[in-house]
């Protein structure tokens, strides 16, 4: 049982250039731990004080986890998890 995690270009230097990484299905917090275990440094770019950084968005099958259960949101087998840095500008 796995999910596909889409990694944005800004974080690919931490994943050896990989844009999609397979992880075990489960809560987003566990997925981030698994990513960190294989690609050290990625968790600190996604989390701050144990919470999702303000300018990082994570979606499961197009649904923002902030409107679900946050890091406890479950990603089911076959789901697509997208990490999307917020873009600002004017």
PDB file of N, CA and C in Angstrom:
ATOM      1  N   UNK A   1       0.838  -1.174   0.000  1.00  0.00           N
ATOM      2  CA  UNK A   1       0.000   0.000   0.000  1.00  0.00           C
ATOM      3  C   UNK A   1       0.884   1.238   0.000  1.00  0.00           C
ATOM      4  N   UNK A   2       0.749   2.054  -1.026  1.00  0.00           N
ATOM      5  CA  UNK A   2       1.609   3.219  -1.129  1.00  0.00           C
ATOM      6  C   UNK A   2       0.874   4.403  -1.726  1.00  0.00           C
ATOM      7  N   UNK A   3       1.500   5.557  -1.562  1.00  0.00           N
ATOM      8  CA  UNK A   3       1.023   6.796  -2.160  1.00  0.00           C
ATOM      9  C   UNK A   3       2.166   7.386  -2.969  1.00  0.00           C
ATOM     10  N   UNK A   4       1.839   8.244  -3.905  1.00  0.00           N
ATOM     11  CA  UNK A   4       2.852   8.958  -4.671  1.00  0.00           C
ATOM     12  C   UNK A   4       2.902  10.378  -4.147  1.00  0.00           C
ATOM     13  N   UNK A   5       4.104  10.798  -3.759  1.00  0.00           N
ATOM     14  CA  UNK A   5       4.314  12.145  -3.242  1.00  0.00           C
ATOM     15  C   UNK A   5       4.996  12.963  -4.328  1.00  0.00           C
ATOM     16  N   UNK A   6       4.344  14.020  -4.749  1.00  0.00           N
ATOM     17  CA  UNK A   6       4.904  14.917  -5.765  1.00  0.00           C
ATOM     18  C   UNK A   6       5.729  15.992  -5.070  1.00  0.00           C
ATOM     19  N   UNK A   7       6.985  16.076  -5.464  1.00  0.00           N
ATOM     20  CA  UNK A   7       7.943  16.997  -4.859  1.00  0.00           C
ATOM     21  C   UNK A   7       8.130  18.205  -5.778  1.00  0.00           C
ATOM     22  N   UNK A   8       7.978  19.427  -5.247  1.00  0.00           N
ATOM     23  CA  UNK A   8       8.166  20.613  -6.096  1.00  0.00           C
ATOM     24  C   UNK A   8       9.636  20.808  -6.450  1.00  0.00           C
ATOM     25  N   UNK A   9       9.870  21.517  -7.528  1.00  0.00           N
ATOM     26  CA  UNK A   9      11.243  21.719  -8.003  1.00  0.00           C
ATOM     27  C   UNK A   9      12.136  22.359  -6.940  1.00  0.00           C
ATOM     28  N   UNK A  10      11.576  23.214  -6.075  1.00  0.00           N
ATOM     29  CA  UNK A  10      12.369  23.880  -5.048  1.00  0.00           C
ATOM     30  C   UNK A  10      12.951  22.908  -4.025  1.00  0.00           C
ATOM     31  N   UNK A  11      12.391  21.722  -3.894  1.00  0.00           N
ATOM     32  CA  UNK A  11      12.863  20.744  -2.904  1.00  0.00           C
ATOM     33  C   UNK A  11      13.570  19.546  -3.526  1.00  0.00           C
ATOM     34  N   UNK A  12      13.670  19.512  -4.816  1.00  0.00           N
ATOM     35  CA  UNK A  12      14.250  18.339  -5.484  1.00  0.00           C
ATOM     36  C   UNK A  12      15.738  18.160  -5.243  1.00  0.00           C
ATOM     37  N   UNK A  13      16.441  19.211  -4.835  1.00  0.00           N
ATOM     38  CA  UNK A  13      17.859  19.037  -4.508  1.00  0.00           C
ATOM     39  C   UNK A  13      18.000  18.115  -3.298  1.00  0.00           C
ATOM     40  N   UNK A  14      16.961  18.022  -2.473  1.00  0.00           N
ATOM     41  CA  UNK A  14      16.977  17.134  -1.308  1.00  0.00           C
ATOM     42  C   UNK A  14      16.610  15.698  -1.658  1.00  0.00           C
ATOM     43  N   UNK A  15      15.998  15.497  -2.829  1.00  0.00           N
ATOM     44  CA  UNK A  15      15.548  14.162  -3.223  1.00  0.00           C
ATOM     45  C   UNK A  15      16.371  13.597  -4.383  1.00  0.00           C
ATOM     46  N   UNK A  16      17.529  14.189  -4.618  1.00  0.00           N
ATOM     47  CA  UNK A  16      18.359  13.712  -5.721  1.00  0.00           C
ATOM     48  C   UNK A  16      17.716  13.945  -7.078  1.00  0.00           C
ATOM     49  N   UNK A  17      16.872  14.959  -7.165  1.00  0.00           N
ATOM     50  CA  UNK A  17      16.220  15.296  -8.424  1.00  0.00           C
ATOM     51  C   UNK A  17      14.912  14.577  -8.664  1.00  0.00           C
ATOM     52  N   UNK A  18      14.538  13.672  -7.775  1.00  0.00           N
ATOM     53  CA  UNK A  18      13.289  12.928  -7.963  1.00  0.00           C
ATOM     54  C   UNK A  18      12.080  13.849  -7.792  1.00  0.00           C
ATOM     55  N   UNK A  19      11.135  13.745  -8.724  1.00  0.00           N
ATOM     56  CA  UNK A  19       9.925  14.567  -8.648  1.00  0.00           C
ATOM     57  C   UNK A  19       8.754  13.817  -8.023  1.00  0.00           C
ATOM     58  N   UNK A  20       8.804  12.499  -8.035  1.00  0.00           N
ATOM     59  CA  UNK A  20       7.752  11.677  -7.429  1.00  0.00           C
ATOM     60  C   UNK A  20       8.421  10.592  -6.589  1.00  0.00           C
ATOM     61  N   UNK A  21       7.962  10.469  -5.345  1.00  0.00           N
ATOM     62  CA  UNK A  21       8.517   9.479  -4.434  1.00  0.00           C
ATOM     63  C   UNK A  21       7.367   8.650  -3.870  1.00  0.00           C
ATOM     64  N   UNK A  22       7.534   7.349  -3.871  1.00  0.00           N
ATOM     65  CA  UNK A  22       6.512   6.476  -3.284  1.00  0.00           C
ATOM     66  C   UNK A  22       6.780   6.310  -1.800  1.00  0.00           C
ATOM     67  N   UNK A  23       5.707   6.442  -1.014  1.00  0.00           N
ATOM     68  CA  UNK A  23       5.765   6.268   0.433  1.00  0.00           C
ATOM     69  C   UNK A  23       4.597   5.387   0.856  1.00  0.00           C
ATOM     70  N   UNK A  24       4.674   4.886   2.080  1.00  0.00           N
ATOM     71  CA  UNK A  24       3.583   4.092   2.620  1.00  0.00           C
ATOM     72  C   UNK A  24       2.366   4.978   2.840  1.00  0.00           C
ATOM     73  N   UNK A  25       1.183   4.425   2.580  1.00  0.00           N
ATOM     74  CA  UNK A  25      -0.062   5.127   2.863  1.00  0.00           C
ATOM     75  C   UNK A  25      -0.171   5.322   4.367  1.00  0.00           C
ATOM     76  N   UNK A  26      -0.840   6.387   4.782  1.00  0.00           N
ATOM     77  CA  UNK A  26      -1.018   6.667   6.198  1.00  0.00           C
ATOM     78  C   UNK A  26      -1.165   8.148   6.435  1.00  0.00           C
ATOM     79  N   UNK A  27      -1.030   8.572   7.690  1.00  0.00           N
ATOM     80  CA  UNK A  27      -1.153   9.998   7.981  1.00  0.00           C
ATOM     81  C   UNK A  27       0.000  10.796   7.375  1.00  0.00           C
ATOM     82  N   UNK A  28      -0.277  12.036   7.037  1.00  0.00           N
ATOM     83  CA  UNK A  28       0.729  12.897   6.420  1.00  0.00           C
ATOM     84  C   UNK A  28       1.974  13.004   7.304  1.00  0.00           C
ATOM     85  N   UNK A  29       1.795  13.042   8.606  1.00  0.00           N
ATOM     86  CA  UNK A  29       2.958  13.129   9.503  1.00  0.00           C
ATOM     87  C   UNK A  29       3.894  11.942   9.306  1.00  0.00           C
ATOM     88  N   UNK A  30       3.341  10.744   9.123  1.00  0.00           N
ATOM     89  CA  UNK A  30       4.171   9.558   8.887  1.00  0.00           C
ATOM     90  C   UNK A  30       4.841   9.603   7.517  1.00  0.00           C
ATOM     91  N   UNK A  31       4.137  10.151   6.540  1.00  0.00           N
ATOM     92  CA  UNK A  31       4.706  10.275   5.197  1.00  0.00           C
ATOM     93  C   UNK A  31       5.907  11.212   5.237  1.00  0.00           C
ATOM     94  N   UNK A  32       5.788  12.314   5.973  1.00  0.00           N
ATOM     95  CA  UNK A  32       6.911  13.245   6.101  1.00  0.00           C
ATOM     96  C   UNK A  32       8.075  12.571   6.820  1.00  0.00           C
ATOM     97  N   UNK A  33       7.792  11.779   7.845  1.00  0.00           N
ATOM     98  CA  UNK A  33       8.866  11.051   8.548  1.00  0.00           C
ATOM     99  C   UNK A  33       9.569  10.087   7.601  1.00  0.00           C
ATOM    100  N   UNK A  34       8.801   9.403   6.767  1.00  0.00           N
ATOM    101  CA  UNK A  34       9.403   8.470   5.811  1.00  0.00           C
ATOM    102  C   UNK A  34      10.259   9.225   4.795  1.00  0.00           C
ATOM    103  N   UNK A  35       9.741  10.349   4.291  1.00  0.00           N
ATOM    104  CA  UNK A  35      10.535  11.166   3.371  1.00  0.00           C
ATOM    105  C   UNK A  35      11.842  11.593   4.022  1.00  0.00           C
ATOM    106  N   UNK A  36      11.767  12.035   5.270  1.00  0.00           N
ATOM    107  CA  UNK A  36      12.954  12.483   6.004  1.00  0.00           C
ATOM    108  C   UNK A  36      13.948  11.340   6.170  1.00  0.00           C
ATOM    109  N   UNK A  37      13.449  10.146   6.407  1.00  0.00           N
ATOM    110  CA  UNK A  37      14.325   8.994   6.581  1.00  0.00           C
ATOM    111  C   UNK A  37      15.145   8.670   5.347  1.00  0.00           C
ATOM    112  N   UNK A  38      14.583   8.957   4.178  1.00  0.00           N
ATOM    113  CA  UNK A  38      15.279   8.668   2.918  1.00  0.00           C
ATOM    114  C   UNK A  38      15.958   9.899   2.324  1.00  0.00           C
ATOM    115  N   UNK A  39      15.448  11.074   2.689  1.00  0.00           N
ATOM    116  CA  UNK A  39      15.945  12.325   2.104  1.00  0.00           C
ATOM    117  C   UNK A  39      16.099  13.355   3.221  1.00  0.00           C
ATOM    118  N   UNK A  40      17.154  13.210   3.986  1.00  0.00           N
ATOM    119  CA  UNK A  40      17.398  14.071   5.133  1.00  0.00           C
ATOM    120  C   UNK A  40      17.338  15.553   4.809  1.00  0.00           C
ATOM    121  N   UNK A  41      16.684  16.303   5.673  1.00  0.00           N
ATOM    122  CA  UNK A  41      16.570  17.744   5.512  1.00  0.00           C
ATOM    123  C   UNK A  41      15.227  18.195   4.983  1.00  0.00           C
ATOM    124  N   UNK A  42      14.450  17.264   4.425  1.00  0.00           N
ATOM    125  CA  UNK A  42      13.177  17.671   3.826  1.00  0.00           C
ATOM    126  C   UNK A  42      12.154  18.060   4.897  1.00  0.00           C
ATOM    127  N   UNK A  43      12.171  17.382   6.047  1.00  0.00           N
ATOM    128  CA  UNK A  43      11.191  17.684   7.100  1.00  0.00           C
ATOM    129  C   UNK A  43      11.337  19.113   7.595  1.00  0.00           C
ATOM    130  N   UNK A  44      12.568  19.579   7.765  1.00  0.00           N
ATOM    131  CA  UNK A  44      12.757  20.945   8.263  1.00  0.00           C
ATOM    132  C   UNK A  44      12.300  21.989   7.256  1.00  0.00           C
ATOM    133  N   UNK A  45      12.224  21.612   5.993  1.00  0.00           N
ATOM    134  CA  UNK A  45      11.714  22.533   4.961  1.00  0.00           C
ATOM    135  C   UNK A  45      10.190  22.536   4.924  1.00  0.00           C
ATOM    136  N   UNK A  46       9.568  21.468   5.457  1.00  0.00           N
ATOM    137  CA  UNK A  46       8.106  21.357   5.451  1.00  0.00           C
ATOM    138  C   UNK A  46       7.479  21.737   6.785  1.00  0.00           C
ATOM    139  N   UNK A  47       8.197  21.489   7.871  1.00  0.00           N
ATOM    140  CA  UNK A  47       7.637  21.671   9.209  1.00  0.00           C
ATOM    141  C   UNK A  47       8.395  22.728  10.006  1.00  0.00           C
ATOM    142  N   UNK A  48       7.659  23.346  10.922  1.00  0.00           N
ATOM    143  CA  UNK A  48       8.253  24.279  11.871  1.00  0.00           C
ATOM    144  C   UNK A  48       7.549  24.069  13.204  1.00  0.00           C
ATOM    145  N   UNK A  49       8.331  23.734  14.229  1.00  0.00           N
ATOM    146  CA  UNK A  49       7.769  23.444  15.557  1.00  0.00           C
ATOM    147  C   UNK A  49       6.699  22.347  15.498  1.00  0.00           C
ATOM    148  N   UNK A  50       6.915  21.355  14.645  1.00  0.00           N
ATOM    149  CA  UNK A  50       6.001  20.227  14.547  1.00  0.00           C
ATOM    150  C   UNK A  50       4.735  20.480  13.751  1.00  0.00           C
ATOM    151  N   UNK A  51       4.621  21.658  13.183  1.00  0.00           N
ATOM    152  CA  UNK A  51       3.447  22.021  12.374  1.00  0.00           C
ATOM    153  C   UNK A  51       3.892  22.333  10.946  1.00  0.00           C
ATOM    154  N   UNK A  52       2.952  22.223  10.025  1.00  0.00           N
ATOM    155  CA  UNK A  52       3.233  22.561   8.636  1.00  0.00           C
ATOM    156  C   UNK A  52       3.617  24.038   8.542  1.00  0.00           C
ATOM    157  N   UNK A  53       4.701  24.316   7.835  1.00  0.00           N
ATOM    158  CA  UNK A  53       5.120  25.711   7.664  1.00  0.00           C
ATOM    159  C   UNK A  53       4.003  26.514   6.990  1.00  0.00           C
ATOM    160  N   UNK A  54       3.962  27.767   7.322  1.00  0.00           N
ATOM    161  CA  UNK A  54       2.894  28.653   6.847  1.00  0.00           C
ATOM    162  C   UNK A  54       2.793  28.702   5.320  1.00  0.00           C
ATOM    163  N   UNK A  55       3.921  28.681   4.633  1.00  0.00           N
ATOM    164  CA  UNK A  55       3.902  28.833   3.186  1.00  0.00           C
ATOM    165  C   UNK A  55       4.075  27.514   2.438  1.00  0.00           C
ATOM    166  N   UNK A  56       3.811  26.415   3.117  1.00  0.00           N
ATOM    167  CA  UNK A  56       3.809  25.096   2.473  1.00  0.00           C
ATOM    168  C   UNK A  56       2.384  24.560   2.510  1.00  0.00           C
ATOM    169  N   UNK A  57       1.914  24.103   1.390  1.00  0.00           N
ATOM    170  CA  UNK A  57       0.590  23.480   1.304  1.00  0.00           C
ATOM    171  C   UNK A  57       0.767  22.028   0.902  1.00  0.00           C
ATOM    172  N   UNK A  58      -0.026  21.164   1.493  1.00  0.00           N
ATOM    173  CA  UNK A  58      -0.017  19.755   1.115  1.00  0.00           C
ATOM    174  C   UNK A  58      -1.444  19.360   0.756  1.00  0.00           C
ATOM    175  N   UNK A  59      -1.567  18.722  -0.380  1.00  0.00           N
ATOM    176  CA  UNK A  59      -2.861  18.282  -0.882  1.00  0.00           C
ATOM    177  C   UNK A  59      -2.855  16.769  -1.034  1.00  0.00           C
ATOM    178  N   UNK A  60      -3.968  16.149  -0.702  1.00  0.00           N
ATOM    179  CA  UNK A  60      -4.172  14.727  -0.966  1.00  0.00           C
ATOM    180  C   UNK A  60      -5.308  14.632  -1.967  1.00  0.00           C
ATOM    181  N   UNK A  61      -4.981  14.135  -3.140  1.00  0.00           N
ATOM    182  CA  UNK A  61      -5.958  14.042  -4.228  1.00  0.00           C
ATOM    183  C   UNK A  61      -6.698  15.358  -4.427  1.00  0.00           C
ATOM    184  N   UNK A  62      -5.943  16.452  -4.370  1.00  0.00           N
ATOM    185  CA  UNK A  62      -6.496  17.770  -4.633  1.00  0.00           C
ATOM    186  C   UNK A  62      -7.150  18.458  -3.448  1.00  0.00           C
ATOM    187  N   UNK A  63      -7.208  17.800  -2.294  1.00  0.00           N
ATOM    188  CA  UNK A  63      -7.832  18.384  -1.104  1.00  0.00           C
ATOM    189  C   UNK A  63      -6.764  18.887  -0.146  1.00  0.00           C
ATOM    190  N   UNK A  64      -6.870  20.151   0.255  1.00  0.00           N
ATOM    191  CA  UNK A  64      -5.912  20.779   1.166  1.00  0.00           C
ATOM    192  C   UNK A  64      -6.048  20.161   2.558  1.00  0.00           C
ATOM    193  N   UNK A  65      -4.938  19.640   3.103  1.00  0.00           N
ATOM    194  CA  UNK A  65      -5.003  18.988   4.414  1.00  0.00           C
ATOM    195  C   UNK A  65      -5.327  19.965   5.534  1.00  0.00           C
ATOM    196  N   UNK A  66      -5.119  21.259   5.309  1.00  0.00           N
ATOM    197  CA  UNK A  66      -5.451  22.259   6.344  1.00  0.00           C
ATOM    198  C   UNK A  66      -6.959  22.283   6.614  1.00  0.00           C
ATOM    199  N   UNK A  67      -7.753  21.883   5.632  1.00  0.00           N
ATOM    200  CA  UNK A  67      -9.202  21.861   5.791  1.00  0.00           C
ATOM    201  C   UNK A  67      -9.705  20.472   6.160  1.00  0.00           C
ATOM    202  N   UNK A  68      -8.783  19.558   6.371  1.00  0.00           N
ATOM    203  CA  UNK A  68      -9.111  18.202   6.818  1.00  0.00           C
ATOM    204  C   UNK A  68      -8.599  18.073   8.252  1.00  0.00           C
ATOM    205  N   UNK A  69      -7.731  17.115   8.508  1.00  0.00           N
ATOM    206  CA  UNK A  69      -7.188  16.901   9.855  1.00  0.00           C
ATOM    207  C   UNK A  69      -5.728  17.313   9.962  1.00  0.00           C
ATOM    208  N   UNK A  70      -5.277  18.223   9.106  1.00  0.00           N
ATOM    209  CA  UNK A  70      -3.892  18.672   9.147  1.00  0.00           C
ATOM    210  C   UNK A  70      -2.927  17.516   8.918  1.00  0.00           C
ATOM    211  N   UNK A  71      -1.874  17.462   9.708  1.00  0.00           N
ATOM    212  CA  UNK A  71      -0.869  16.415   9.544  1.00  0.00           C
ATOM    213  C   UNK A  71      -1.398  15.027   9.878  1.00  0.00           C
ATOM    214  N   UNK A  72      -2.547  14.948  10.555  1.00  0.00           N
ATOM    215  CA  UNK A  72      -3.161  13.653  10.873  1.00  0.00           C
ATOM    216  C   UNK A  72      -4.036  13.136   9.724  1.00  0.00           C
ATOM    217  N   UNK A  73      -4.201  13.935   8.669  1.00  0.00           N
ATOM    218  CA  UNK A  73      -5.014  13.523   7.521  1.00  0.00           C
ATOM    219  C   UNK A  73      -4.435  12.253   6.914  1.00  0.00           C
ATOM    220  N   UNK A  74      -5.299  11.289   6.670  1.00  0.00           N
ATOM    221  CA  UNK A  74      -4.883   9.996   6.125  1.00  0.00           C
ATOM    222  C   UNK A  74      -4.809  10.040   4.598  1.00  0.00           C
ATOM    223  N   UNK A  75      -3.724   9.541   4.073  1.00  0.00           N
ATOM    224  CA  UNK A  75      -3.572   9.356   2.628  1.00  0.00           C
ATOM    225  C   UNK A  75      -3.769   7.863   2.366  1.00  0.00           C
ATOM    226  N   UNK A  76      -4.826   7.542   1.652  1.00  0.00           N
ATOM    227  CA  UNK A  76      -5.168   6.143   1.365  1.00  0.00           C
ATOM    228  C   UNK A  76      -4.274   5.583   0.264  1.00  0.00           C
ATOM    229  N   UNK A  77      -4.216   4.262   0.215  1.00  0.00           N
ATOM    230  CA  UNK A  77      -3.466   3.562  -0.816  1.00  0.00           C
ATOM    231  C   UNK A  77      -3.866   4.093  -2.195  1.00  0.00           C
ATOM    232  N   UNK A  78      -2.888   4.439  -3.002  1.00  0.00           N
ATOM    233  CA  UNK A  78      -3.132   4.930  -4.350  1.00  0.00           C
ATOM    234  C   UNK A  78      -3.331   6.432  -4.444  1.00  0.00           C
ATOM    235  N   UNK A  79      -3.349   7.125  -3.316  1.00  0.00           N
ATOM    236  CA  UNK A  79      -3.538   8.576  -3.327  1.00  0.00           C
ATOM    237  C   UNK A  79      -2.311   9.286  -3.883  1.00  0.00           C
ATOM    238  N   UNK A  80      -2.554  10.515  -4.316  1.00  0.00           N
ATOM    239  CA  UNK A  80      -1.464  11.383  -4.748  1.00  0.00           C
ATOM    240  C   UNK A  80      -1.356  12.515  -3.737  1.00  0.00           C
ATOM    241  N   UNK A  81      -0.175  12.656  -3.163  1.00  0.00           N
ATOM    242  CA  UNK A  81       0.112  13.698  -2.185  1.00  0.00           C
ATOM    243  C   UNK A  81       0.996  14.728  -2.878  1.00  0.00           C
ATOM    244  N   UNK A  82       0.533  15.973  -2.894  1.00  0.00           N
ATOM    245  CA  UNK A  82       1.285  17.039  -3.556  1.00  0.00           C
ATOM    246  C   UNK A  82       1.780  18.052  -2.534  1.00  0.00           C
ATOM    247  N   UNK A  83       3.069  18.333  -2.572  1.00  0.00           N
ATOM    248  CA  UNK A  83       3.669  19.369  -1.743  1.00  0.00           C
ATOM    249  C   UNK A  83       3.780  20.611  -2.630  1.00  0.00           C
ATOM    250  N   UNK A  84       3.132  21.693  -2.185  1.00  0.00           N
ATOM    251  CA  UNK A  84       3.070  22.894  -3.014  1.00  0.00           C
ATOM    252  C   UNK A  84       3.468  24.111  -2.185  1.00  0.00           C
ATOM    253  N   UNK A  85       4.637  24.696  -2.478  1.00  0.00           N
ATOM    254  CA  UNK A  85       5.001  25.942  -1.792  1.00  0.00           C
ATOM    255  C   UNK A  85       4.097  27.068  -2.272  1.00  0.00           C
ATOM    256  N   UNK A  86       3.668  27.913  -1.339  1.00  0.00           N
ATOM    257  CA  UNK A  86       2.847  29.058  -1.705  1.00  0.00           C
ATOM    258  C   UNK A  86       3.696  30.035  -2.522  1.00  0.00           C
ATOM    259  N   UNK A  87       3.057  30.672  -3.474  1.00  0.00           N
ATOM    260  CA  UNK A  87       3.730  31.642  -4.311  1.00  0.00           C
ATOM    261  C   UNK A  87       3.112  33.009  -4.041  1.00  0.00           C
ATOM    262  N   UNK A  88       3.955  33.978  -3.791  1.00  0.00           N
ATOM    263  CA  UNK A  88       3.476  35.332  -3.538  1.00  0.00           C
ATOM    264  C   UNK A  88       4.191  36.296  -4.476  1.00  0.00           C
ATOM    265  N   UNK A  89       3.602  37.407  -4.664  1.00  0.00           N
ATOM    266  CA  UNK A  89       4.243  38.410  -5.511  1.00  0.00           C
ATOM    267  C   UNK A  89       3.236  39.413  -5.968  1.00  0.00           C
ATOM    268  N   UNK A  90       3.715  40.334  -6.698  1.00  0.00           N
ATOM    269  CA  UNK A  90       2.784  41.383  -7.122  1.00  0.00           C
ATOM    270  C   UNK A  90       3.162  41.936  -8.449  1.00  0.00           C
TER     271      UNK A  90
END
